[in-house]
Amino acid sequence: MIKPELYDVVEIITELPEYNLHAGTRGTVVLQYSDEDFEIEFVDEEGNSLAICTLPLHQFIVVWQANGEHAVSITDQIAQIVSRLPNEVGSEVLDFARFLSMRANHSS
């Protein structure tokens, strides 16, 4: 599990209608309140602040790490999401991944 750190870029995985933010919106960690709660700033393309909100860890994933200045791999992004799902839902994800693997192997 990737632990968010100051200035990491994160992507929300839930809708936040109260802030007019949609799943997939990216923001930056600007403050950590606890191991589970982080203040995230969201800006538009011109750098204007769209929202600053405190989010619990289960509402976002880390997609870029400031400490190493590198993007988080797709595999690690998926693992972050799956690790937060109930086991029965995680099993569905595993079944879907198996299906995609079989489909990819048959089309090669």
PDB file of N, CA and C in Angstrom:
ATOM      1  N   MET A   1       0.844  -1.187   0.000  1.00  0.00           N
ATOM      2  CA  MET A   1       0.000   0.000   0.000  1.00  0.00           C
ATOM      3  C   MET A   1       0.883   1.243   0.000  1.00  0.00           C
ATOM      4  N   ILE A   2       0.568   2.171  -0.870  1.00  0.00           N
ATOM      5  CA  ILE A   2       1.333   3.412  -0.965  1.00  0.00           C
ATOM      6  C   ILE A   2       0.746   4.420   0.011  1.00  0.00           C
ATOM      7  N   LYS A   3       1.586   4.920   0.889  1.00  0.00           N
ATOM      8  CA  LYS A   3       1.151   5.903   1.884  1.00  0.00           C
ATOM      9  C   LYS A   3       1.310   7.304   1.299  1.00  0.00           C
ATOM     10  N   PRO A   4       0.235   8.094   1.277  1.00  0.00           N
ATOM     11  CA  PRO A   4       0.335   9.455   0.736  1.00  0.00           C
ATOM     12  C   PRO A   4       1.291  10.309   1.574  1.00  0.00           C
ATOM     13  N   GLU A   5       2.035  11.139   0.886  1.00  0.00           N
ATOM     14  CA  GLU A   5       2.940  12.072   1.548  1.00  0.00           C
ATOM     15  C   GLU A   5       2.702  13.467   0.994  1.00  0.00           C
ATOM     16  N   LEU A   6       3.225  14.452   1.691  1.00  0.00           N
ATOM     17  CA  LEU A   6       3.070  15.851   1.303  1.00  0.00           C
ATOM     18  C   LEU A   6       3.505  16.063  -0.144  1.00  0.00           C
ATOM     19  N   TYR A   7       2.682  16.731  -0.914  1.00  0.00           N
ATOM     20  CA  TYR A   7       2.886  17.101  -2.320  1.00  0.00           C
ATOM     21  C   TYR A   7       2.709  15.959  -3.319  1.00  0.00           C
ATOM     22  N   ASP A   8       2.311  14.794  -2.851  1.00  0.00           N
ATOM     23  CA  ASP A   8       1.957  13.727  -3.786  1.00  0.00           C
ATOM     24  C   ASP A   8       0.708  14.135  -4.558  1.00  0.00           C
ATOM     25  N   VAL A   9       0.613  13.678  -5.801  1.00  0.00           N
ATOM     26  CA  VAL A   9      -0.591  13.896  -6.598  1.00  0.00           C
ATOM     27  C   VAL A   9      -1.496  12.687  -6.391  1.00  0.00           C
ATOM     28  N   VAL A  10      -2.754  12.977  -6.098  1.00  0.00           N
ATOM     29  CA  VAL A  10      -3.723  11.910  -5.852  1.00  0.00           C
ATOM     30  C   VAL A  10      -4.890  12.052  -6.823  1.00  0.00           C
ATOM     31  N   GLU A  11      -5.635  10.961  -6.961  1.00  0.00           N
ATOM     32  CA  GLU A  11      -6.818  10.942  -7.823  1.00  0.00           C
ATOM     33  C   GLU A  11      -7.981  10.419  -6.988  1.00  0.00           C
ATOM     34  N   ILE A  12      -9.077  11.186  -6.975  1.00  0.00           N
ATOM     35  CA  ILE A  12     -10.212  10.714  -6.183  1.00  0.00           C
ATOM     36  C   ILE A  12     -10.894   9.564  -6.909  1.00  0.00           C
ATOM     37  N   ILE A  13     -11.383   8.612  -6.123  1.00  0.00           N
ATOM     38  CA  ILE A  13     -12.029   7.426  -6.695  1.00  0.00           C
ATOM     39  C   ILE A  13     -13.513   7.404  -6.362  1.00  0.00           C
ATOM     40  N   THR A  14     -14.004   8.499  -5.822  1.00  0.00           N
ATOM     41  CA  THR A  14     -15.432   8.644  -5.537  1.00  0.00           C
ATOM     42  C   THR A  14     -15.887  10.004  -6.053  1.00  0.00           C
ATOM     43  N   GLU A  15     -17.168  10.135  -6.253  1.00  0.00           N
ATOM     44  CA  GLU A  15     -17.734  11.434  -6.617  1.00  0.00           C
ATOM     45  C   GLU A  15     -17.800  12.310  -5.359  1.00  0.00           C
ATOM     46  N   LEU A  16     -17.500  13.583  -5.505  1.00  0.00           N
ATOM     47  CA  LEU A  16     -17.619  14.535  -4.407  1.00  0.00           C
ATOM     48  C   LEU A  16     -18.508  15.694  -4.870  1.00  0.00           C
ATOM     49  N   PRO A  17     -19.821  15.452  -4.966  1.00  0.00           N
ATOM     50  CA  PRO A  17     -20.722  16.472  -5.508  1.00  0.00           C
ATOM     51  C   PRO A  17     -20.737  17.769  -4.695  1.00  0.00           C
ATOM     52  N   GLU A  18     -20.474  17.668  -3.405  1.00  0.00           N
ATOM     53  CA  GLU A  18     -20.469  18.880  -2.575  1.00  0.00           C
ATOM     54  C   GLU A  18     -19.346  19.845  -2.954  1.00  0.00           C
ATOM     55  N   TYR A  19     -18.326  19.340  -3.654  1.00  0.00           N
ATOM     56  CA  TYR A  19     -17.224  20.168  -4.147  1.00  0.00           C
ATOM     57  C   TYR A  19     -17.223  20.269  -5.665  1.00  0.00           C
ATOM     58  N   ASN A  20     -18.220  19.659  -6.324  1.00  0.00           N
ATOM     59  CA  ASN A  20     -18.307  19.598  -7.778  1.00  0.00           C
ATOM     60  C   ASN A  20     -17.067  18.916  -8.377  1.00  0.00           C
ATOM     61  N   LEU A  21     -16.622  17.837  -7.717  1.00  0.00           N
ATOM     62  CA  LEU A  21     -15.468  17.066  -8.171  1.00  0.00           C
ATOM     63  C   LEU A  21     -15.922  15.656  -8.518  1.00  0.00           C
ATOM     64  N   HIS A  22     -15.399  15.134  -9.605  1.00  0.00           N
ATOM     65  CA  HIS A  22     -15.786  13.818 -10.098  1.00  0.00           C
ATOM     66  C   HIS A  22     -14.647  12.820  -9.907  1.00  0.00           C
ATOM     67  N   ALA A  23     -14.999  11.547  -9.829  1.00  0.00           N
ATOM     68  CA  ALA A  23     -13.979  10.506  -9.754  1.00  0.00           C
ATOM     69  C   ALA A  23     -13.015  10.698 -10.921  1.00  0.00           C
ATOM     70  N   GLY A  24     -11.733  10.578 -10.629  1.00  0.00           N
ATOM     71  CA  GLY A  24     -10.705  10.798 -11.643  1.00  0.00           C
ATOM     72  C   GLY A  24     -10.047  12.165 -11.544  1.00  0.00           C
ATOM     73  N   THR A  25     -10.655  13.090 -10.794  1.00  0.00           N
ATOM     74  CA  THR A  25     -10.067  14.416 -10.608  1.00  0.00           C
ATOM     75  C   THR A  25      -8.802  14.285  -9.761  1.00  0.00           C
ATOM     76  N   ARG A  26      -7.778  15.011 -10.164  1.00  0.00           N
ATOM     77  CA  ARG A  26      -6.494  14.936  -9.459  1.00  0.00           C
ATOM     78  C   ARG A  26      -6.253  16.190  -8.632  1.00  0.00           C
ATOM     79  N   GLY A  27      -5.591  15.977  -7.506  1.00  0.00           N
ATOM     80  CA  GLY A  27      -5.248  17.070  -6.607  1.00  0.00           C
ATOM     81  C   GLY A  27      -3.915  16.771  -5.927  1.00  0.00           C
ATOM     82  N   THR A  28      -3.503  17.662  -5.050  1.00  0.00           N
ATOM     83  CA  THR A  28      -2.214  17.543  -4.373  1.00  0.00           C
ATOM     84  C   THR A  28      -2.412  17.508  -2.864  1.00  0.00           C
ATOM     85  N   VAL A  29      -1.693  16.611  -2.202  1.00  0.00           N
ATOM     86  CA  VAL A  29      -1.731  16.554  -0.742  1.00  0.00           C
ATOM     87  C   VAL A  29      -1.005  17.780  -0.204  1.00  0.00           C
ATOM     88  N   VAL A  30      -1.711  18.591   0.589  1.00  0.00           N
ATOM     89  CA  VAL A  30      -1.099  19.793   1.147  1.00  0.00           C
ATOM     90  C   VAL A  30      -0.970  19.746   2.662  1.00  0.00           C
ATOM     91  N   LEU A  31      -1.642  18.779   3.297  1.00  0.00           N
ATOM     92  CA  LEU A  31      -1.568  18.645   4.751  1.00  0.00           C
ATOM     93  C   LEU A  31      -2.033  17.255   5.150  1.00  0.00           C
ATOM     94  N   GLN A  32      -1.408  16.706   6.183  1.00  0.00           N
ATOM     95  CA  GLN A  32      -1.833  15.409   6.714  1.00  0.00           C
ATOM     96  C   GLN A  32      -2.282  15.620   8.146  1.00  0.00           C
ATOM     97  N   TYR A  33      -3.525  15.230   8.437  1.00  0.00           N
ATOM     98  CA  TYR A  33      -4.073  15.379   9.783  1.00  0.00           C
ATOM     99  C   TYR A  33      -3.849  14.130  10.626  1.00  0.00           C
ATOM    100  N   SER A  34      -3.908  12.972   9.999  1.00  0.00           N
ATOM    101  CA  SER A  34      -3.715  11.696  10.687  1.00  0.00           C
ATOM    102  C   SER A  34      -3.285  10.677   9.633  1.00  0.00           C
ATOM    103  N   ASP A  35      -3.171   9.417  10.030  1.00  0.00           N
ATOM    104  CA  ASP A  35      -2.827   8.379   9.065  1.00  0.00           C
ATOM    105  C   ASP A  35      -3.934   8.165   8.035  1.00  0.00           C
ATOM    106  N   GLU A  36      -5.133   8.639   8.354  1.00  0.00           N
ATOM    107  CA  GLU A  36      -6.302   8.401   7.492  1.00  0.00           C
ATOM    108  C   GLU A  36      -6.878   9.653   6.841  1.00  0.00           C
ATOM    109  N   ASP A  37      -6.535  10.836   7.307  1.00  0.00           N
ATOM    110  CA  ASP A  37      -7.161  12.068   6.824  1.00  0.00           C
ATOM    111  C   ASP A  37      -6.138  13.051   6.279  1.00  0.00           C
ATOM    112  N   PHE A  38      -6.421  13.533   5.052  1.00  0.00           N
ATOM    113  CA  PHE A  38      -5.485  14.404   4.343  1.00  0.00           C
ATOM    114  C   PHE A  38      -6.225  15.587   3.741  1.00  0.00           C
ATOM    115  N   GLU A  39      -5.572  16.737   3.720  1.00  0.00           N
ATOM    116  CA  GLU A  39      -6.128  17.895   3.036  1.00  0.00           C
ATOM    117  C   GLU A  39      -5.577  17.895   1.617  1.00  0.00           C
ATOM    118  N   ILE A  40      -6.488  17.947   0.661  1.00  0.00           N
ATOM    119  CA  ILE A  40      -6.132  17.886  -0.753  1.00  0.00           C
ATOM    120  C   ILE A  40      -6.585  19.170  -1.427  1.00  0.00           C
ATOM    121  N   GLU A  41      -5.711  19.744  -2.243  1.00  0.00           N
ATOM    122  CA  GLU A  41      -6.075  20.937  -3.021  1.00  0.00           C
ATOM    123  C   GLU A  41      -6.241  20.536  -4.474  1.00  0.00           C
ATOM    124  N   PHE A  42      -7.343  20.976  -5.062  1.00  0.00           N
ATOM    125  CA  PHE A  42      -7.645  20.736  -6.470  1.00  0.00           C
ATOM    126  C   PHE A  42      -7.600  22.076  -7.187  1.00  0.00           C
ATOM    127  N   VAL A  43      -6.877  22.128  -8.316  1.00  0.00           N
ATOM    128  CA  VAL A  43      -6.751  23.366  -9.081  1.00  0.00           C
ATOM    129  C   VAL A  43      -7.130  23.117 -10.532  1.00  0.00           C
ATOM    130  N   ASP A  44      -7.512  24.195 -11.236  1.00  0.00           N
ATOM    131  CA  ASP A  44      -7.805  24.064 -12.660  1.00  0.00           C
ATOM    132  C   ASP A  44      -6.515  24.226 -13.457  1.00  0.00           C
ATOM    133  N   GLU A  45      -6.620  24.210 -14.774  1.00  0.00           N
ATOM    134  CA  GLU A  45      -5.442  24.263 -15.646  1.00  0.00           C
ATOM    135  C   GLU A  45      -4.685  25.584 -15.545  1.00  0.00           C
ATOM    136  N   GLU A  46      -5.354  26.629 -15.074  1.00  0.00           N
ATOM    137  CA  GLU A  46      -4.688  27.929 -14.904  1.00  0.00           C
ATOM    138  C   GLU A  46      -4.098  28.097 -13.513  1.00  0.00           C
ATOM    139  N   GLY A  47      -4.288  27.096 -12.652  1.00  0.00           N
ATOM    140  CA  GLY A  47      -3.745  27.161 -11.301  1.00  0.00           C
ATOM    141  C   GLY A  47      -4.689  27.762 -10.276  1.00  0.00           C
ATOM    142  N   ASN A  48      -5.934  28.040 -10.685  1.00  0.00           N
ATOM    143  CA  ASN A  48      -6.919  28.577  -9.745  1.00  0.00           C
ATOM    144  C   ASN A  48      -7.482  27.449  -8.887  1.00  0.00           C
ATOM    145  N   SER A  49      -7.606  27.721  -7.603  1.00  0.00           N
ATOM    146  CA  SER A  49      -8.114  26.705  -6.685  1.00  0.00           C
ATOM    147  C   SER A  49      -9.579  26.390  -6.964  1.00  0.00           C
ATOM    148  N   LEU A  50      -9.881  25.101  -7.152  1.00  0.00           N
ATOM    149  CA  LEU A  50     -11.257  24.640  -7.327  1.00  0.00           C
ATOM    150  C   LEU A  50     -11.866  24.244  -5.993  1.00  0.00           C
ATOM    151  N   ALA A  51     -11.051  23.589  -5.170  1.00  0.00           N
ATOM    152  CA  ALA A  51     -11.518  23.132  -3.860  1.00  0.00           C
ATOM    153  C   ALA A  51     -10.325  22.724  -3.016  1.00  0.00           C
ATOM    154  N   ILE A  52     -10.477  22.910  -1.731  1.00  0.00           N
ATOM    155  CA  ILE A  52      -9.546  22.375  -0.747  1.00  0.00           C
ATOM    156  C   ILE A  52     -10.410  21.613   0.235  1.00  0.00           C
ATOM    157  N   CYS A  53     -10.171  20.314   0.350  1.00  0.00           N
ATOM    158  CA  CYS A  53     -11.038  19.524   1.224  1.00  0.00           C
ATOM    159  C   CYS A  53     -10.250  18.448   1.949  1.00  0.00           C
ATOM    160  N   THR A  54     -10.758  18.091   3.102  1.00  0.00           N
ATOM    161  CA  THR A  54     -10.180  17.006   3.881  1.00  0.00           C
ATOM    162  C   THR A  54     -10.842  15.708   3.456  1.00  0.00           C
ATOM    163  N   LEU A  55     -10.017  14.766   3.029  1.00  0.00           N
ATOM    164  CA  LEU A  55     -10.536  13.490   2.545  1.00  0.00           C
ATOM    165  C   LEU A  55      -9.915  12.334   3.307  1.00  0.00           C
ATOM    166  N   PRO A  56     -10.718  11.315   3.588  1.00  0.00           N
ATOM    167  CA  PRO A  56     -10.162  10.102   4.173  1.00  0.00           C
ATOM    168  C   PRO A  56      -9.445   9.289   3.098  1.00  0.00           C
ATOM    169  N   LEU A  57      -8.495   8.502   3.512  1.00  0.00           N
ATOM    170  CA  LEU A  57      -7.652   7.724   2.614  1.00  0.00           C
ATOM    171  C   LEU A  57      -8.443   6.859   1.635  1.00  0.00           C
ATOM    172  N   HIS A  58      -9.607   6.361   2.035  1.00  0.00           N
ATOM    173  CA  HIS A  58     -10.365   5.465   1.153  1.00  0.00           C
ATOM    174  C   HIS A  58     -11.013   6.169  -0.035  1.00  0.00           C
ATOM    175  N   GLN A  59     -10.920   7.507  -0.099  1.00  0.00           N
ATOM    176  CA  GLN A  59     -11.546   8.234  -1.207  1.00  0.00           C
ATOM    177  C   GLN A  59     -10.578   8.604  -2.330  1.00  0.00           C
ATOM    178  N   PHE A  60      -9.307   8.237  -2.199  1.00  0.00           N
ATOM    179  CA  PHE A  60      -8.346   8.599  -3.245  1.00  0.00           C
ATOM    180  C   PHE A  60      -7.199   7.601  -3.296  1.00  0.00           C
ATOM    181  N   ILE A  61      -6.464   7.644  -4.412  1.00  0.00           N
ATOM    182  CA  ILE A  61      -5.247   6.859  -4.567  1.00  0.00           C
ATOM    183  C   ILE A  61      -4.111   7.804  -4.953  1.00  0.00           C
ATOM    184  N   VAL A  62      -2.893   7.397  -4.679  1.00  0.00           N
ATOM    185  CA  VAL A  62      -1.704   8.164  -5.066  1.00  0.00           C
ATOM    186  C   VAL A  62      -1.349   7.784  -6.502  1.00  0.00           C
ATOM    187  N   VAL A  63      -1.169   8.799  -7.371  1.00  0.00           N
ATOM    188  CA  VAL A  63      -0.812   8.530  -8.768  1.00  0.00           C
ATOM    189  C   VAL A  63       0.575   9.074  -9.140  1.00  0.00           C
ATOM    190  N   TRP A  64       1.130   9.944  -8.289  1.00  0.00           N
ATOM    191  CA  TRP A  64       2.472  10.483  -8.529  1.00  0.00           C
ATOM    192  C   TRP A  64       3.080  10.777  -7.173  1.00  0.00           C
ATOM    193  N   GLN A  65       4.316  10.308  -6.969  1.00  0.00           N
ATOM    194  CA  GLN A  65       4.982  10.511  -5.696  1.00  0.00           C
ATOM    195  C   GLN A  65       6.025  11.608  -5.790  1.00  0.00           C
ATOM    196  N   ALA A  66       5.854  12.624  -4.958  1.00  0.00           N
ATOM    197  CA  ALA A  66       6.764  13.764  -4.967  1.00  0.00           C
ATOM    198  C   ALA A  66       8.165  13.374  -4.495  1.00  0.00           C
ATOM    199  N   ASN A  67       8.234  12.475  -3.526  1.00  0.00           N
ATOM    200  CA  ASN A  67       9.521  12.098  -2.946  1.00  0.00           C
ATOM    201  C   ASN A  67      10.477  11.527  -3.982  1.00  0.00           C
ATOM    202  N   GLY A  68      10.013  10.711  -4.889  1.00  0.00           N
ATOM    203  CA  GLY A  68      10.874  10.150  -5.923  1.00  0.00           C
ATOM    204  C   GLY A  68      10.661  10.784  -7.274  1.00  0.00           C
ATOM    205  N   GLU A  69       9.734  11.741  -7.332  1.00  0.00           N
ATOM    206  CA  GLU A  69       9.362  12.414  -8.577  1.00  0.00           C
ATOM    207  C   GLU A  69       9.083  11.407  -9.685  1.00  0.00           C
ATOM    208  N   HIS A  70       8.150  10.474  -9.397  1.00  0.00           N
ATOM    209  CA  HIS A  70       7.800   9.476 -10.403  1.00  0.00           C
ATOM    210  C   HIS A  70       6.324   9.103 -10.302  1.00  0.00           C
ATOM    211  N   ALA A  71       5.807   8.682 -11.443  1.00  0.00           N
ATOM    212  CA  ALA A  71       4.416   8.234 -11.503  1.00  0.00           C
ATOM    213  C   ALA A  71       4.291   6.863 -10.858  1.00  0.00           C
ATOM    214  N   VAL A  72       3.147   6.626 -10.266  1.00  0.00           N
ATOM    215  CA  VAL A  72       2.833   5.324  -9.692  1.00  0.00           C
ATOM    216  C   VAL A  72       2.348   4.433 -10.835  1.00  0.00           C
ATOM    217  N   SER A  73       2.856   3.221 -10.907  1.00  0.00           N
ATOM    218  CA  SER A  73       2.481   2.313 -11.996  1.00  0.00           C
ATOM    219  C   SER A  73       0.990   1.986 -11.954  1.00  0.00           C
ATOM    220  N   ILE A  74       0.448   1.625 -13.109  1.00  0.00           N
ATOM    221  CA  ILE A  74      -0.954   1.215 -13.199  1.00  0.00           C
ATOM    222  C   ILE A  74      -1.218   0.053 -12.245  1.00  0.00           C
ATOM    223  N   THR A  75      -0.296  -0.896 -12.189  1.00  0.00           N
ATOM    224  CA  THR A  75      -0.444  -2.053 -11.304  1.00  0.00           C
ATOM    225  C   THR A  75      -0.603  -1.602  -9.853  1.00  0.00           C
ATOM    226  N   ASP A  76       0.223  -0.663  -9.420  1.00  0.00           N
ATOM    227  CA  ASP A  76       0.136  -0.172  -8.042  1.00  0.00           C
ATOM    228  C   ASP A  76      -1.120   0.671  -7.810  1.00  0.00           C
ATOM    229  N   GLN A  77      -1.564   1.392  -8.839  1.00  0.00           N
ATOM    230  CA  GLN A  77      -2.814   2.147  -8.691  1.00  0.00           C
ATOM    231  C   GLN A  77      -3.994   1.193  -8.491  1.00  0.00           C
ATOM    232  N   ILE A  78      -4.030   0.138  -9.298  1.00  0.00           N
ATOM    233  CA  ILE A  78      -5.095  -0.855  -9.168  1.00  0.00           C
ATOM    234  C   ILE A  78      -5.027  -1.517  -7.792  1.00  0.00           C
ATOM    235  N   ALA A  79      -3.806  -1.871  -7.364  1.00  0.00           N
ATOM    236  CA  ALA A  79      -3.635  -2.522  -6.060  1.00  0.00           C
ATOM    237  C   ALA A  79      -4.147  -1.630  -4.927  1.00  0.00           C
ATOM    238  N   GLN A  80      -3.942  -0.318  -5.026  1.00  0.00           N
ATOM    239  CA  GLN A  80      -4.441   0.591  -3.997  1.00  0.00           C
ATOM    240  C   GLN A  80      -5.963   0.512  -3.886  1.00  0.00           C
ATOM    241  N   ILE A  81      -6.623   0.479  -5.035  1.00  0.00           N
ATOM    242  CA  ILE A  81      -8.082   0.421  -5.037  1.00  0.00           C
ATOM    243  C   ILE A  81      -8.566  -0.932  -4.520  1.00  0.00           C
ATOM    244  N   VAL A  82      -8.012  -2.007  -5.054  1.00  0.00           N
ATOM    245  CA  VAL A  82      -8.461  -3.350  -4.689  1.00  0.00           C
ATOM    246  C   VAL A  82      -8.230  -3.610  -3.197  1.00  0.00           C
ATOM    247  N   SER A  83      -7.138  -3.103  -2.646  1.00  0.00           N
ATOM    248  CA  SER A  83      -6.837  -3.356  -1.231  1.00  0.00           C
ATOM    249  C   SER A  83      -7.888  -2.749  -0.302  1.00  0.00           C
ATOM    250  N   ARG A  84      -8.673  -1.810  -0.790  1.00  0.00           N
ATOM    251  CA  ARG A  84      -9.694  -1.155   0.032  1.00  0.00           C
ATOM    252  C   ARG A  84     -11.085  -1.757  -0.155  1.00  0.00           C
ATOM    253  N   LEU A  85     -11.193  -2.728  -1.051  1.00  0.00           N
ATOM    254  CA  LEU A  85     -12.490  -3.343  -1.330  1.00  0.00           C
ATOM    255  C   LEU A  85     -12.755  -4.515  -0.385  1.00  0.00           C
ATOM    256  N   PRO A  86     -14.026  -4.790  -0.117  1.00  0.00           N
ATOM    257  CA  PRO A  86     -14.339  -6.019   0.627  1.00  0.00           C
ATOM    258  C   PRO A  86     -13.876  -7.236  -0.166  1.00  0.00           C
ATOM    259  N   ASN A  87     -13.564  -8.329   0.517  1.00  0.00           N
ATOM    260  CA  ASN A  87     -13.029  -9.532  -0.136  1.00  0.00           C
ATOM    261  C   ASN A  87     -13.899 -10.030  -1.279  1.00  0.00           C
ATOM    262  N   GLU A  88     -15.217 -10.026  -1.107  1.00  0.00           N
ATOM    263  CA  GLU A  88     -16.081 -10.548  -2.173  1.00  0.00           C
ATOM    264  C   GLU A  88     -16.006  -9.671  -3.426  1.00  0.00           C
ATOM    265  N   VAL A  89     -15.850  -8.397  -3.255  1.00  0.00           N
ATOM    266  CA  VAL A  89     -15.716  -7.502  -4.406  1.00  0.00           C
ATOM    267  C   VAL A  89     -14.329  -7.680  -5.028  1.00  0.00           C
ATOM    268  N   GLY A  90     -13.312  -7.846  -4.191  1.00  0.00           N
ATOM    269  CA  GLY A  90     -11.967  -8.113  -4.696  1.00  0.00           C
ATOM    270  C   GLY A  90     -11.927  -9.378  -5.532  1.00  0.00           C
ATOM    271  N   SER A  91     -12.705 -10.373  -5.130  1.00  0.00           N
ATOM    272  CA  SER A  91     -12.785 -11.616  -5.909  1.00  0.00           C
ATOM    273  C   SER A  91     -13.378 -11.370  -7.290  1.00  0.00           C
ATOM    274  N   GLU A  92     -14.349 -10.468  -7.382  1.00  0.00           N
ATOM    275  CA  GLU A  92     -14.925 -10.121  -8.682  1.00  0.00           C
ATOM    276  C   GLU A  92     -13.883  -9.449  -9.567  1.00  0.00           C
ATOM    277  N   VAL A  93     -13.071  -8.591  -8.971  1.00  0.00           N
ATOM    278  CA  VAL A  93     -12.002  -7.934  -9.727  1.00  0.00           C
ATOM    279  C   VAL A  93     -11.013  -8.976 -10.235  1.00  0.00           C
ATOM    280  N   LEU A  94     -10.667  -9.933  -9.388  1.00  0.00           N
ATOM    281  CA  LEU A  94      -9.757 -11.002  -9.797  1.00  0.00           C
ATOM    282  C   LEU A  94     -10.349 -11.812 -10.949  1.00  0.00           C
ATOM    283  N   ASP A  95     -11.637 -12.143 -10.870  1.00  0.00           N
ATOM    284  CA  ASP A  95     -12.290 -12.870 -11.964  1.00  0.00           C
ATOM    285  C   ASP A  95     -12.236 -12.072 -13.264  1.00  0.00           C
ATOM    286  N   PHE A  96     -12.475 -10.776 -13.174  1.00  0.00           N
ATOM    287  CA  PHE A  96     -12.432  -9.925 -14.367  1.00  0.00           C
ATOM    288  C   PHE A  96     -11.011  -9.868 -14.933  1.00  0.00           C
ATOM    289  N   ALA A  97     -10.009  -9.772 -14.053  1.00  0.00           N
ATOM    290  CA  ALA A  97      -8.611  -9.756 -14.511  1.00  0.00           C
ATOM    291  C   ALA A  97      -8.255 -11.067 -15.218  1.00  0.00           C
ATOM    292  N   ARG A  98      -8.753 -12.179 -14.686  1.00  0.00           N
ATOM    293  CA  ARG A  98      -8.527 -13.473 -15.347  1.00  0.00           C
ATOM    294  C   ARG A  98      -9.156 -13.476 -16.739  1.00  0.00           C
ATOM    295  N   PHE A  99     -10.376 -12.964 -16.843  1.00  0.00           N
ATOM    296  CA  PHE A  99     -11.056 -12.887 -18.133  1.00  0.00           C
ATOM    297  C   PHE A  99     -10.246 -12.053 -19.122  1.00  0.00           C
ATOM    298  N   LEU A 100      -9.766 -10.890 -18.690  1.00  0.00           N
ATOM    299  CA  LEU A 100      -8.972 -10.032 -19.571  1.00  0.00           C
ATOM    300  C   LEU A 100      -7.682 -10.725 -19.992  1.00  0.00           C
ATOM    301  N   SER A 101      -7.066 -11.443 -19.077  1.00  0.00           N
ATOM    302  CA  SER A 101      -5.837 -12.170 -19.393  1.00  0.00           C
ATOM    303  C   SER A 101      -6.093 -13.249 -20.439  1.00  0.00           C
ATOM    304  N   MET A 102      -7.184 -13.997 -20.255  1.00  0.00           N
ATOM    305  CA  MET A 102      -7.520 -15.039 -21.233  1.00  0.00           C
ATOM    306  C   MET A 102      -7.819 -14.426 -22.593  1.00  0.00           C
ATOM    307  N   ARG A 103      -8.545 -13.318 -22.611  1.00  0.00           N
ATOM    308  CA  ARG A 103      -8.873 -12.654 -23.864  1.00  0.00           C
ATOM    309  C   ARG A 103      -7.612 -12.151 -24.566  1.00  0.00           C
ATOM    310  N   ALA A 104      -6.694 -11.586 -23.803  1.00  0.00           N
ATOM    311  CA  ALA A 104      -5.436 -11.079 -24.379  1.00  0.00           C
ATOM    312  C   ALA A 104      -4.609 -12.225 -24.941  1.00  0.00           C
ATOM    313  N   ASN A 105      -4.581 -13.352 -24.245  1.00  0.00           N
ATOM    314  CA  ASN A 105      -3.788 -14.505 -24.695  1.00  0.00           C
ATOM    315  C   ASN A 105      -4.394 -15.140 -25.944  1.00  0.00           C
ATOM    316  N   HIS A 106      -5.710 -15.096 -26.084  1.00  0.00           N
ATOM    317  CA  HIS A 106      -6.359 -15.681 -27.260  1.00  0.00           C
ATOM    318  C   HIS A 106      -6.238 -14.796 -28.502  1.00  0.00           C
ATOM    319  N   SER A 107      -6.086 -13.503 -28.286  1.00  0.00           N
ATOM    320  CA  SER A 107      -5.993 -12.599 -29.440  1.00  0.00           C
ATOM    321  C   SER A 107      -4.562 -12.456 -29.955  1.00  0.00           C
ATOM    322  N   SER A 108      -3.581 -12.992 -29.215  1.00  0.00           N
ATOM    323  CA  SER A 108      -2.180 -12.895 -29.651  1.00  0.00           C
ATOM    324  C   SER A 108      -1.850 -13.893 -30.719  1.00  0.00           C
TER     325      SER A 108
END
